[in-house]
Amino acid sequence: MFADTLRALMDEKNVKACDLVNGDITAQYLSKLLNGKIKDPTWDKALAIIDRLGITVDEFYKRDKK
């Protein structure tokens, strides 16, 4: 699940939710995503979050499939 992988990567990289907030990703949206109120982000939002983590989509996908 996207949120589980995101949370694991945030912990691993010592990234806080506020570090991922930008024009495309609001704090409210990120909170809903991490708390399961949004099951999966839209493709554009997923790309923005992954980019803010500093990894590629492939790297995220490999982690998500573990």
N, C-alpha and C. Protein backbone atom coordinates (compact mmCIF):
# COMPACT_ATOMS: atom_id res chain seq x y z
N MET A 1 0.84 -1.18 0.00
CA MET A 1 0.00 0.00 0.00
C MET A 1 0.89 1.24 0.00
N PHE A 2 0.48 2.23 -0.73
CA PHE A 2 1.29 3.43 -0.92
C PHE A 2 1.67 4.08 0.41
N ALA A 3 0.70 4.26 1.28
CA ALA A 3 0.96 4.96 2.54
C ALA A 3 1.97 4.21 3.42
N ASP A 4 1.89 2.89 3.43
CA ASP A 4 2.84 2.10 4.23
C ASP A 4 4.26 2.25 3.71
N THR A 5 4.40 2.20 2.40
CA THR A 5 5.72 2.37 1.79
C THR A 5 6.22 3.78 2.04
N LEU A 6 5.34 4.75 1.89
CA LEU A 6 5.71 6.14 2.13
C LEU A 6 6.19 6.33 3.56
N ARG A 7 5.44 5.80 4.51
CA ARG A 7 5.81 5.93 5.92
C ARG A 7 7.18 5.29 6.19
N ALA A 8 7.42 4.11 5.62
CA ALA A 8 8.69 3.41 5.82
C ALA A 8 9.85 4.23 5.24
N LEU A 9 9.64 4.79 4.05
CA LEU A 9 10.68 5.60 3.43
C LEU A 9 10.92 6.90 4.20
N MET A 10 9.85 7.48 4.72
CA MET A 10 10.00 8.69 5.52
C MET A 10 10.85 8.41 6.76
N ASP A 11 10.59 7.27 7.41
CA ASP A 11 11.37 6.89 8.59
C ASP A 11 12.83 6.64 8.21
N GLU A 12 13.02 5.89 7.13
CA GLU A 12 14.37 5.55 6.69
C GLU A 12 15.19 6.78 6.33
N LYS A 13 14.54 7.74 5.68
CA LYS A 13 15.25 8.93 5.23
C LYS A 13 15.16 10.09 6.22
N ASN A 14 14.49 9.83 7.36
CA ASN A 14 14.31 10.86 8.38
C ASN A 14 13.63 12.10 7.80
N VAL A 15 12.56 11.86 7.06
CA VAL A 15 11.80 12.93 6.43
C VAL A 15 10.49 13.09 7.19
N LYS A 16 10.15 14.33 7.49
CA LYS A 16 8.88 14.62 8.16
C LYS A 16 7.83 14.96 7.12
N ALA A 17 6.59 14.82 7.49
CA ALA A 17 5.49 15.12 6.57
C ALA A 17 5.60 16.54 6.02
N CYS A 18 5.99 17.48 6.87
CA CYS A 18 6.08 18.87 6.43
C CYS A 18 7.14 19.04 5.34
N ASP A 19 8.11 18.13 5.28
CA ASP A 19 9.14 18.19 4.23
C ASP A 19 8.58 17.82 2.87
N LEU A 20 7.45 17.12 2.85
CA LEU A 20 6.86 16.67 1.58
C LEU A 20 5.82 17.65 1.04
N VAL A 21 5.40 18.59 1.88
CA VAL A 21 4.39 19.55 1.46
C VAL A 21 4.99 20.52 0.45
N ASN A 22 4.26 20.71 -0.64
CA ASN A 22 4.64 21.71 -1.65
C ASN A 22 3.38 22.18 -2.35
N GLY A 23 3.49 22.82 -3.47
CA GLY A 23 2.32 23.34 -4.17
C GLY A 23 1.30 22.29 -4.54
N ASP A 24 1.76 21.09 -4.85
CA ASP A 24 0.86 20.01 -5.27
C ASP A 24 0.33 19.19 -4.09
N ILE A 25 1.09 19.15 -3.02
CA ILE A 25 0.75 18.31 -1.87
C ILE A 25 0.53 19.20 -0.64
N THR A 26 -0.69 19.24 -0.16
CA THR A 26 -0.99 20.03 1.03
C THR A 26 -0.79 19.18 2.28
N ALA A 27 -0.62 19.83 3.40
CA ALA A 27 -0.48 19.11 4.67
C ALA A 27 -1.74 18.29 4.96
N GLN A 28 -2.90 18.84 4.64
CA GLN A 28 -4.16 18.14 4.87
C GLN A 28 -4.25 16.88 4.01
N TYR A 29 -3.86 16.99 2.74
CA TYR A 29 -3.90 15.83 1.84
C TYR A 29 -2.95 14.75 2.34
N LEU A 30 -1.75 15.14 2.70
CA LEU A 30 -0.75 14.19 3.17
C LEU A 30 -1.21 13.50 4.46
N SER A 31 -1.82 14.25 5.36
CA SER A 31 -2.33 13.68 6.59
C SER A 31 -3.41 12.64 6.30
N LYS A 32 -4.33 12.96 5.40
CA LYS A 32 -5.38 12.01 5.03
C LYS A 32 -4.79 10.76 4.40
N LEU A 33 -3.78 10.93 3.58
CA LEU A 33 -3.12 9.79 2.93
C LEU A 33 -2.45 8.89 3.97
N LEU A 34 -1.69 9.49 4.88
CA LEU A 34 -0.96 8.72 5.88
C LEU A 34 -1.88 8.07 6.90
N ASN A 35 -3.05 8.66 7.11
CA ASN A 35 -4.01 8.11 8.08
C ASN A 35 -5.05 7.19 7.44
N GLY A 36 -4.89 6.91 6.16
CA GLY A 36 -5.75 5.95 5.49
C GLY A 36 -7.09 6.48 5.02
N LYS A 37 -7.32 7.78 5.14
CA LYS A 37 -8.58 8.34 4.66
C LYS A 37 -8.59 8.47 3.14
N ILE A 38 -7.41 8.55 2.56
CA ILE A 38 -7.23 8.47 1.11
C ILE A 38 -6.44 7.20 0.88
N LYS A 39 -7.01 6.28 0.13
CA LYS A 39 -6.38 4.97 -0.05
C LYS A 39 -5.11 5.07 -0.90
N ASP A 40 -5.21 5.66 -2.05
CA ASP A 40 -4.06 5.84 -2.94
C ASP A 40 -4.11 7.24 -3.54
N PRO A 41 -2.95 7.87 -3.68
CA PRO A 41 -2.93 9.21 -4.28
C PRO A 41 -3.15 9.13 -5.79
N THR A 42 -3.50 10.26 -6.37
CA THR A 42 -3.57 10.32 -7.82
C THR A 42 -2.15 10.15 -8.35
N TRP A 43 -2.03 9.83 -9.63
CA TRP A 43 -0.71 9.63 -10.22
C TRP A 43 0.15 10.88 -10.07
N ASP A 44 -0.42 12.04 -10.34
CA ASP A 44 0.34 13.29 -10.24
C ASP A 44 0.82 13.55 -8.82
N LYS A 45 -0.04 13.29 -7.86
CA LYS A 45 0.35 13.51 -6.46
C LYS A 45 1.39 12.47 -6.02
N ALA A 46 1.23 11.24 -6.48
CA ALA A 46 2.22 10.20 -6.16
C ALA A 46 3.59 10.59 -6.70
N LEU A 47 3.62 11.07 -7.93
CA LEU A 47 4.89 11.49 -8.53
C LEU A 47 5.51 12.65 -7.75
N ALA A 48 4.68 13.60 -7.32
CA ALA A 48 5.19 14.74 -6.56
C ALA A 48 5.77 14.29 -5.22
N ILE A 49 5.08 13.37 -4.55
CA ILE A 49 5.57 12.86 -3.26
C ILE A 49 6.88 12.10 -3.44
N ILE A 50 6.91 11.23 -4.43
CA ILE A 50 8.12 10.44 -4.70
C ILE A 50 9.29 11.36 -5.04
N ASP A 51 9.03 12.37 -5.82
CA ASP A 51 10.07 13.34 -6.18
C ASP A 51 10.60 14.05 -4.94
N ARG A 52 9.69 14.44 -4.04
CA ARG A 52 10.11 15.13 -2.81
C ARG A 52 10.94 14.20 -1.91
N LEU A 53 10.73 12.89 -2.03
CA LEU A 53 11.55 11.93 -1.27
C LEU A 53 12.95 11.79 -1.86
N GLY A 54 13.11 12.26 -3.10
CA GLY A 54 14.42 12.18 -3.74
C GLY A 54 14.75 10.80 -4.29
N ILE A 55 13.72 10.06 -4.66
CA ILE A 55 13.93 8.74 -5.24
C ILE A 55 13.17 8.65 -6.56
N THR A 56 13.42 7.58 -7.29
CA THR A 56 12.72 7.38 -8.56
C THR A 56 11.44 6.58 -8.32
N VAL A 57 10.58 6.60 -9.31
CA VAL A 57 9.36 5.82 -9.25
C VAL A 57 9.70 4.34 -9.14
N ASP A 58 10.72 3.90 -9.88
CA ASP A 58 11.13 2.50 -9.82
C ASP A 58 11.58 2.11 -8.41
N GLU A 59 12.34 2.98 -7.76
CA GLU A 59 12.79 2.69 -6.39
C GLU A 59 11.59 2.57 -5.45
N PHE A 60 10.64 3.48 -5.59
CA PHE A 60 9.44 3.41 -4.75
C PHE A 60 8.66 2.14 -5.04
N TYR A 61 8.49 1.82 -6.31
CA TYR A 61 7.73 0.64 -6.72
C TYR A 61 8.35 -0.64 -6.15
N LYS A 62 9.67 -0.73 -6.21
CA LYS A 62 10.34 -1.92 -5.67
C LYS A 62 10.10 -2.05 -4.17
N ARG A 63 10.11 -0.93 -3.46
CA ARG A 63 9.84 -0.95 -2.03
C ARG A 63 8.40 -1.31 -1.74
N ASP A 64 7.50 -0.80 -2.58
CA ASP A 64 6.06 -1.01 -2.40
C ASP A 64 5.69 -2.48 -2.60
N LYS A 65 6.46 -3.19 -3.38
CA LYS A 65 6.15 -4.59 -3.70
C LYS A 65 6.78 -5.58 -2.72
N LYS A 66 7.54 -5.10 -1.76
CA LYS A 66 8.18 -6.00 -0.77
C LYS A 66 7.16 -6.50 0.22
